[in-house]
Each structure stands twice: as structure tokens, then as C-alpha cells.
Amino acid sequence: MGDFGLAYNITMKHEGGYVNNPNDRGGETYKGISRKFHPKWFGWRIIDDYKTKPDFPKNLNHIPELQDAIGEFYKSMFWDVFELDKRSQEIANEIFDTAINVGKQKATTMIQSTVNVLNRNTNAYPDIKVDGVYGSNTSKYMDECIKYNGERLVLNVLNAYQVKHYLELMERNPSQEQFIGWFNRVEIKRG
């Protein structure tokens, strides 16, 4: 069963501190939380209060209330919605990190596409709708997909969709090539 703390610690190794890069589609970001996409997040009030202090942004890492808000945000927004407590740690890590980096809707389409691609032309189980909405049907057929194909193959296909997403993004908008670190989040399993 998935452990949020383990997945969170892995993902936080990829998420930097405070960044306000004009080429980043998320704009102002702290630990991967984009103000553009999550403007009502409680942590922005704390960050705004510290912007005028001399040690900004380094001082942000030493504010317990802010660090707690980050964990609570990620658990409710990206862990609980995918019911990752019910998944193996590897699958939970993958879905959690991918959803944070590409967004919940895109991560869900990757899951749904993986389920469909691995069903052997519906011989193993039926196709599901690829709509970016994670619900009981997606969860159920993800279970079937893992049972039928094994975790390693499912993880590899999920990662392949993640790479495809990054490549297409960079090909459409070459300014995004500065974010090649995204590829460090992808791990193809051997064996």
C-alpha cells in the first residue's frame, strides 16, 4: 500500500524552492505549487509576507507553517484524489509525481490511455473513456490493467506517455527546452 510520506519525499527532490521564471507556464512557483494554477493556496499569503525580508526566498524553507501547508496541499490535491493509499508504492509514486508535474487531468489521460493500450484490443478488458476525469471506472480498470500486465509494464507505459508529453511540449514551444530536468522524473524499469 502506498505511503504518502515516501512519495512526497521523492517528489520534493525534483521540486525546487521559490521560482518566478517567465518561461515557466506556471509562473511564480514554490516547491512546485504554481500561483497561476493554484492562486488560492494558503501558502501564498505567507510567501507574500516574507518577500520584503532580507533573506527571501531562502527563509521560506524555515517556516514550519508553510512547509506543513505544502504537504497538506499535495496530499489533498494529488494523493487522495487518486486514492494512492490503495496502490503499490511504485505505482503511487509514479502517479503522484506525474500528476504534480503535468497536472491531474493530463496524468489521468495518461492512466486511461495506458489502460486502453495494454488491454490487447479489448481482449483482456474493455476500453475506457479517455476524458481526463479520474473516477471509479478508471481506478477499476487500472487494477485490471496491473493484474493482467504486471506493474513493470504499466509503469513503463505510463513513463512513455510522460516522455511523449514533454517532447511534444518542447517541440511546440522550444523555450520549454530549458526544463529538460523533467526527463529526470522518468524511469524505465528493466527486468
C-alpha atoms as a PDB file:
ATOM      1  CA  MET A   1       0.000   0.000   0.000  1.00  0.00           C
ATOM      2  CA  GLY A   2       1.187   3.475  -0.883  1.00  0.00           C
ATOM      3  CA  ASP A   3       2.754   5.697   1.755  1.00  0.00           C
ATOM      4  CA  PHE A   4       2.269   9.425   1.137  1.00  0.00           C
ATOM      5  CA  GLY A   5       5.396  10.408   3.079  1.00  0.00           C
ATOM      6  CA  LEU A   6       7.651   8.245   0.912  1.00  0.00           C
ATOM      7  CA  ALA A   7       6.171   9.554  -2.343  1.00  0.00           C
ATOM      8  CA  TYR A   8       6.256  13.150  -1.088  1.00  0.00           C
ATOM      9  CA  ASN A   9       9.962  12.918  -0.179  1.00  0.00           C
ATOM     10  CA  ILE A  10      10.822  11.550  -3.632  1.00  0.00           C
ATOM     11  CA  THR A  11       8.854  14.269  -5.423  1.00  0.00           C
ATOM     12  CA  MET A  12      10.310  17.056  -3.288  1.00  0.00           C
ATOM     13  CA  LYS A  13      13.771  16.114  -4.594  1.00  0.00           C
ATOM     14  CA  HIS A  14      12.522  17.275  -8.023  1.00  0.00           C
ATOM     15  CA  GLU A  15      10.672  20.356  -6.886  1.00  0.00           C
ATOM     16  CA  GLY A  16      12.846  23.386  -6.254  1.00  0.00           C
ATOM     17  CA  GLY A  17      12.246  26.257  -3.926  1.00  0.00           C
ATOM     18  CA  TYR A  18      10.877  29.614  -4.964  1.00  0.00           C
ATOM     19  CA  VAL A  19      10.999  30.316  -8.722  1.00  0.00           C
ATOM     20  CA  ASN A  20       9.488  33.025 -10.875  1.00  0.00           C
ATOM     21  CA  ASN A  21      10.675  32.111 -14.380  1.00  0.00           C
ATOM     22  CA  PRO A  22       8.842  33.972 -17.172  1.00  0.00           C
ATOM     23  CA  ASN A  23       9.192  30.907 -19.445  1.00  0.00           C
ATOM     24  CA  ASP A  24       7.564  28.597 -16.917  1.00  0.00           C
ATOM     25  CA  ARG A  25       3.906  28.173 -17.840  1.00  0.00           C
ATOM     26  CA  GLY A  26       3.113  28.021 -14.120  1.00  0.00           C
ATOM     27  CA  GLY A  27       4.688  31.412 -13.454  1.00  0.00           C
ATOM     28  CA  GLU A  28       5.537  32.102  -9.827  1.00  0.00           C
ATOM     29  CA  THR A  29       6.063  28.756  -8.126  1.00  0.00           C
ATOM     30  CA  TYR A  30       7.101  27.467  -4.733  1.00  0.00           C
ATOM     31  CA  LYS A  31       8.033  23.794  -4.293  1.00  0.00           C
ATOM     32  CA  GLY A  32       6.115  23.037  -7.483  1.00  0.00           C
ATOM     33  CA  ILE A  33       2.938  24.873  -6.465  1.00  0.00           C
ATOM     34  CA  SER A  34       2.062  27.381  -9.160  1.00  0.00           C
ATOM     35  CA  ARG A  35       0.378  30.638  -8.201  1.00  0.00           C
ATOM     36  CA  LYS A  36      -1.175  30.756 -11.677  1.00  0.00           C
ATOM     37  CA  PHE A  37      -2.864  27.376 -11.282  1.00  0.00           C
ATOM     38  CA  HIS A  38      -3.423  27.499  -7.505  1.00  0.00           C
ATOM     39  CA  PRO A  39      -3.863  31.184  -6.623  1.00  0.00           C
ATOM     40  CA  LYS A  40      -5.963  30.482  -3.508  1.00  0.00           C
ATOM     41  CA  TRP A  41      -3.401  28.201  -1.868  1.00  0.00           C
ATOM     42  CA  PHE A  42      -2.904  29.302   1.740  1.00  0.00           C
ATOM     43  CA  GLY A  43       0.901  29.373   1.376  1.00  0.00           C
ATOM     44  CA  TRP A  44       0.905  32.363  -0.989  1.00  0.00           C
ATOM     45  CA  ARG A  45      -0.109  34.691   1.864  1.00  0.00           C
ATOM     46  CA  ILE A  46       2.878  33.519   3.897  1.00  0.00           C
ATOM     47  CA  ILE A  47       5.235  33.870   0.926  1.00  0.00           C
ATOM     48  CA  ASP A  48       3.975  37.373   0.158  1.00  0.00           C
ATOM     49  CA  ASP A  49       4.601  38.409   3.765  1.00  0.00           C
ATOM     50  CA  TYR A  50       8.222  37.231   3.518  1.00  0.00           C
ATOM     51  CA  LYS A  51       9.075  38.799   0.149  1.00  0.00           C
ATOM     52  CA  THR A  52      10.292  42.020   1.758  1.00  0.00           C
ATOM     53  CA  LYS A  53      12.552  40.253   4.265  1.00  0.00           C
ATOM     54  CA  PRO A  54      16.305  40.271   3.589  1.00  0.00           C
ATOM     55  CA  ASP A  55      16.815  36.510   3.270  1.00  0.00           C
ATOM     56  CA  PHE A  56      13.981  35.906   0.788  1.00  0.00           C
ATOM     57  CA  PRO A  57      13.490  33.290  -0.652  1.00  0.00           C
ATOM     58  CA  LYS A  58      15.915  31.206   1.459  1.00  0.00           C
ATOM     59  CA  ASN A  59      13.942  31.964   4.595  1.00  0.00           C
ATOM     60  CA  LEU A  60      10.857  30.165   3.223  1.00  0.00           C
ATOM     61  CA  ASN A  61      12.326  26.717   3.913  1.00  0.00           C
ATOM     62  CA  HIS A  62      12.441  27.519   7.646  1.00  0.00           C
ATOM     63  CA  ILE A  63       8.775  28.400   8.130  1.00  0.00           C
ATOM     64  CA  PRO A  64       7.039  25.337   9.640  1.00  0.00           C
ATOM     65  CA  GLU A  65       3.543  26.608   8.848  1.00  0.00           C
ATOM     66  CA  LEU A  66       4.469  26.991   5.174  1.00  0.00           C
ATOM     67  CA  GLN A  67       6.132  23.580   4.968  1.00  0.00           C
ATOM     68  CA  ASP A  68       3.063  21.963   6.571  1.00  0.00           C
ATOM     69  CA  ALA A  69       0.822  23.754   4.055  1.00  0.00           C
ATOM     70  CA  ILE A  70       2.838  22.261   1.187  1.00  0.00           C
ATOM     71  CA  GLY A  71       2.395  18.700   2.454  1.00  0.00           C
ATOM     72  CA  GLU A  72      -1.321  19.214   3.104  1.00  0.00           C
ATOM     73  CA  PHE A  73      -1.795  20.710  -0.367  1.00  0.00           C
ATOM     74  CA  TYR A  74      -0.062  17.825  -2.135  1.00  0.00           C
ATOM     75  CA  LYS A  75      -1.844  15.159  -0.099  1.00  0.00           C
ATOM     76  CA  SER A  76      -5.321  16.526  -0.757  1.00  0.00           C
ATOM     77  CA  MET A  77      -4.773  17.635  -4.364  1.00  0.00           C
ATOM     78  CA  PHE A  78      -2.622  14.834  -5.769  1.00  0.00           C
ATOM     79  CA  TRP A  79      -2.610  11.849  -3.388  1.00  0.00           C
ATOM     80  CA  ASP A  80      -6.125  11.491  -2.052  1.00  0.00           C
ATOM     81  CA  VAL A  81      -7.881  12.194  -5.364  1.00  0.00           C
ATOM     82  CA  PHE A  82      -6.103   9.220  -6.955  1.00  0.00           C
ATOM     83  CA  GLU A  83      -6.664   7.034  -3.849  1.00  0.00           C
ATOM     84  CA  LEU A  84      -2.962   6.238  -3.824  1.00  0.00           C
ATOM     85  CA  ASP A  85      -3.108   4.650  -0.367  1.00  0.00           C
ATOM     86  CA  LYS A  86      -4.677   1.691  -2.225  1.00  0.00           C
ATOM     87  CA  ARG A  87      -1.858   1.341  -4.779  1.00  0.00           C
ATOM     88  CA  SER A  88       1.575  -0.227  -4.503  1.00  0.00           C
ATOM     89  CA  GLN A  89       4.299   2.229  -3.546  1.00  0.00           C
ATOM     90  CA  GLU A  90       5.827   2.238  -7.052  1.00  0.00           C
ATOM     91  CA  ILE A  91       2.543   2.924  -8.819  1.00  0.00           C
ATOM     92  CA  ALA A  92       1.618   5.518  -6.188  1.00  0.00           C
ATOM     93  CA  ASN A  93       4.991   7.276  -6.558  1.00  0.00           C
ATOM     94  CA  GLU A  94       4.606   7.403 -10.327  1.00  0.00           C
ATOM     95  CA  ILE A  95       1.045   8.707 -10.446  1.00  0.00           C
ATOM     96  CA  PHE A  96       1.671  11.227  -7.647  1.00  0.00           C
ATOM     97  CA  ASP A  97       4.816  12.716  -9.177  1.00  0.00           C
ATOM     98  CA  THR A  98       3.421  12.762 -12.707  1.00  0.00           C
ATOM     99  CA  ALA A  99       0.183  14.444 -11.626  1.00  0.00           C
ATOM    100  CA  ILE A 100       2.129  17.143  -9.805  1.00  0.00           C
ATOM    101  CA  ASN A 101       4.336  17.807 -12.811  1.00  0.00           C
ATOM    102  CA  VAL A 102       1.823  17.617 -15.674  1.00  0.00           C
ATOM    103  CA  GLY A 103      -1.454  18.234 -13.836  1.00  0.00           C
ATOM    104  CA  LYS A 104      -4.194  15.885 -12.646  1.00  0.00           C
ATOM    105  CA  GLN A 105      -6.177  15.909 -15.886  1.00  0.00           C
ATOM    106  CA  LYS A 106      -3.167  15.117 -18.093  1.00  0.00           C
ATOM    107  CA  ALA A 107      -1.946  12.449 -15.670  1.00  0.00           C
ATOM    108  CA  THR A 108      -5.412  10.887 -15.742  1.00  0.00           C
ATOM    109  CA  THR A 109      -5.425  10.794 -19.560  1.00  0.00           C
ATOM    110  CA  MET A 110      -2.039   9.049 -19.366  1.00  0.00           C
ATOM    111  CA  ILE A 111      -3.503   6.460 -16.980  1.00  0.00           C
ATOM    112  CA  GLN A 112      -6.593   5.967 -19.155  1.00  0.00           C
ATOM    113  CA  SER A 113      -4.517   5.691 -22.342  1.00  0.00           C
ATOM    114  CA  THR A 114      -2.204   3.177 -20.660  1.00  0.00           C
ATOM    115  CA  VAL A 115      -5.196   1.081 -19.605  1.00  0.00           C
ATOM    116  CA  ASN A 116      -6.519   1.084 -23.176  1.00  0.00           C
ATOM    117  CA  VAL A 117      -3.206   0.409 -24.912  1.00  0.00           C
ATOM    118  CA  LEU A 118      -2.499  -2.582 -22.671  1.00  0.00           C
ATOM    119  CA  ASN A 119      -5.884  -4.322 -22.985  1.00  0.00           C
ATOM    120  CA  ARG A 120      -4.929  -6.355 -26.081  1.00  0.00           C
ATOM    121  CA  ASN A 121      -7.625  -4.822 -28.301  1.00  0.00           C
ATOM    122  CA  THR A 122     -10.208  -5.282 -25.531  1.00  0.00           C
ATOM    123  CA  ASN A 123      -9.434  -9.000 -25.157  1.00  0.00           C
ATOM    124  CA  ALA A 124      -8.260  -8.519 -21.553  1.00  0.00           C
ATOM    125  CA  TYR A 125     -10.846  -5.931 -20.505  1.00  0.00           C
ATOM    126  CA  PRO A 126     -12.836  -3.180 -22.259  1.00  0.00           C
ATOM    127  CA  ASP A 127     -11.561   0.214 -23.352  1.00  0.00           C
ATOM    128  CA  ILE A 128     -12.417   3.107 -21.079  1.00  0.00           C
ATOM    129  CA  LYS A 129     -13.206   6.680 -21.992  1.00  0.00           C
ATOM    130  CA  VAL A 130     -10.121   8.921 -22.135  1.00  0.00           C
ATOM    131  CA  ASP A 131     -11.611  12.065 -20.644  1.00  0.00           C
ATOM    132  CA  GLY A 132      -9.079  13.155 -18.022  1.00  0.00           C
ATOM    133  CA  VAL A 133     -11.554  12.506 -15.198  1.00  0.00           C
ATOM    134  CA  TYR A 134     -10.305  10.095 -12.553  1.00  0.00           C
ATOM    135  CA  GLY A 135     -13.148   8.104 -11.064  1.00  0.00           C
ATOM    136  CA  SER A 136     -14.172   4.620 -10.030  1.00  0.00           C
ATOM    137  CA  ASN A 137     -14.152   3.290 -13.605  1.00  0.00           C
ATOM    138  CA  THR A 138     -10.586   4.443 -14.255  1.00  0.00           C
ATOM    139  CA  SER A 139      -9.498   3.055 -10.887  1.00  0.00           C
ATOM    140  CA  LYS A 140     -11.200  -0.293 -11.529  1.00  0.00           C
ATOM    141  CA  TYR A 141      -9.627  -0.774 -14.948  1.00  0.00           C
ATOM    142  CA  MET A 142      -6.240   0.388 -13.720  1.00  0.00           C
ATOM    143  CA  ASP A 143      -6.472  -2.522 -11.261  1.00  0.00           C
ATOM    144  CA  GLU A 144      -7.364  -4.856 -14.156  1.00  0.00           C
ATOM    145  CA  CYS A 145      -4.516  -3.478 -16.245  1.00  0.00           C
ATOM    146  CA  ILE A 146      -1.965  -4.059 -13.474  1.00  0.00           C
ATOM    147  CA  LYS A 147      -3.319  -7.541 -12.747  1.00  0.00           C
ATOM    148  CA  TYR A 148      -3.202  -8.509 -16.423  1.00  0.00           C
ATOM    149  CA  ASN A 149       0.125  -6.899 -17.398  1.00  0.00           C
ATOM    150  CA  GLY A 150       2.145  -6.579 -14.204  1.00  0.00           C
ATOM    151  CA  GLU A 151       3.395  -3.388 -12.604  1.00  0.00           C
ATOM    152  CA  ARG A 152       6.631  -3.085 -14.563  1.00  0.00           C
ATOM    153  CA  LEU A 153       4.910  -2.897 -17.951  1.00  0.00           C
ATOM    154  CA  VAL A 154       2.260  -0.491 -16.645  1.00  0.00           C
ATOM    155  CA  LEU A 155       4.953   1.759 -15.133  1.00  0.00           C
ATOM    156  CA  ASN A 156       6.931   1.736 -18.384  1.00  0.00           C
ATOM    157  CA  VAL A 157       3.919   2.724 -20.481  1.00  0.00           C
ATOM    158  CA  LEU A 158       2.971   5.473 -18.017  1.00  0.00           C
ATOM    159  CA  ASN A 159       6.533   6.776 -18.256  1.00  0.00           C
ATOM    160  CA  ALA A 160       6.439   6.563 -22.054  1.00  0.00           C
ATOM    161  CA  TYR A 161       3.350   8.793 -22.083  1.00  0.00           C
ATOM    162  CA  GLN A 162       5.140  11.187 -19.741  1.00  0.00           C
ATOM    163  CA  VAL A 163       8.145  11.407 -22.097  1.00  0.00           C
ATOM    164  CA  LYS A 164       5.810  11.897 -25.060  1.00  0.00           C
ATOM    165  CA  HIS A 165       4.152  14.791 -23.219  1.00  0.00           C
ATOM    166  CA  TYR A 166       7.481  16.517 -22.525  1.00  0.00           C
ATOM    167  CA  LEU A 167       8.740  16.027 -26.073  1.00  0.00           C
ATOM    168  CA  GLU A 168       5.555  17.378 -27.643  1.00  0.00           C
ATOM    169  CA  LEU A 169       5.618  20.367 -25.307  1.00  0.00           C
ATOM    170  CA  MET A 170       9.225  21.170 -26.233  1.00  0.00           C
ATOM    171  CA  GLU A 171       8.625  20.661 -29.955  1.00  0.00           C
ATOM    172  CA  ARG A 172       5.629  23.021 -29.892  1.00  0.00           C
ATOM    173  CA  ASN A 173       7.442  25.608 -27.808  1.00  0.00           C
ATOM    174  CA  PRO A 174      11.265  25.419 -27.891  1.00  0.00           C
ATOM    175  CA  SER A 175      11.517  27.796 -24.887  1.00  0.00           C
ATOM    176  CA  GLN A 176      10.449  24.793 -22.798  1.00  0.00           C
ATOM    177  CA  GLU A 177      13.717  23.003 -23.638  1.00  0.00           C
ATOM    178  CA  GLN A 178      15.255  24.775 -20.655  1.00  0.00           C
ATOM    179  CA  PHE A 179      13.223  22.397 -18.495  1.00  0.00           C
ATOM    180  CA  ILE A 180      14.993  19.220 -19.654  1.00  0.00           C
ATOM    181  CA  GLY A 181      15.229  18.272 -15.982  1.00  0.00           C
ATOM    182  CA  TRP A 182      11.691  16.964 -16.427  1.00  0.00           C
ATOM    183  CA  PHE A 183      13.202  13.859 -18.002  1.00  0.00           C
ATOM    184  CA  ASN A 184      14.881  13.058 -14.660  1.00  0.00           C
ATOM    185  CA  ARG A 185      11.408  12.252 -13.359  1.00  0.00           C
ATOM    186  CA  VAL A 186      11.089   9.365 -15.832  1.00  0.00           C
ATOM    187  CA  GLU A 187      12.370   5.912 -15.001  1.00  0.00           C
ATOM    188  CA  ILE A 188      12.032   2.964 -17.348  1.00  0.00           C
ATOM    189  CA  LYS A 189      12.061  -0.322 -15.442  1.00  0.00           C
ATOM    190  CA  ARG A 190      14.198  -3.207 -16.644  1.00  0.00           C
ATOM    191  CA  GLY A 191      13.836  -6.823 -15.910  1.00  0.00           C
END
